[in-house]
Amino acid sequence: MLKYANLTLLILFPVAWFAPLMRAGLLPLFGLSEISVVSGLQSLWGTDVILALLVTFFALFAPYLKTIGLGLIHFGFLRRKALPALDLLGKLAMADVFLVAIYIVVVKGIGMGRIETAWGLYLFTGCILASLLFGHLTRKRV
């Protein structure tokens, strides 16, 4: 059952990447634009390539590689010795969620703009937390 629950993340992560994380606007007078992981990355690639590389790794590659790695362990194609490395990937992926949370707090604290969290933030966070839980449960089964 655990191996199939983990495999659902292979579908849910891409959905979370394109789902709106937040809606932001400059002032209350202007409309809100939706920001997703992918749209945020697209704007980062135009302004700061190094930060874009880091966020791309944290948001896209780390959680997906961990999910694939856990799947390989569950189906017997990878040894359980890889679990510490997969746990590290899960923790790195969680850093991206904290980064988004910090952005929200900073923008709300400045008071210049308007920001609302959207359902994609909860989906993305849930996927990361589920991945951490699946890694923990896999480790306990050893």
Foldseek 3Di string as FASTA:
>chain_A
DLLVVLVVLVVLLVVLQPDFFKWKDQAPVDGTDTDGNVNVLVVCVVPPVVVSVLSCQLRPVLLNVLSVVLNCVVVVNDDPVCLVVSLVSLVSNVVNLVVVVVVVVVVVVVVRMDMGGDPSSVSSNVSSVSSNVSSVVVVVVD
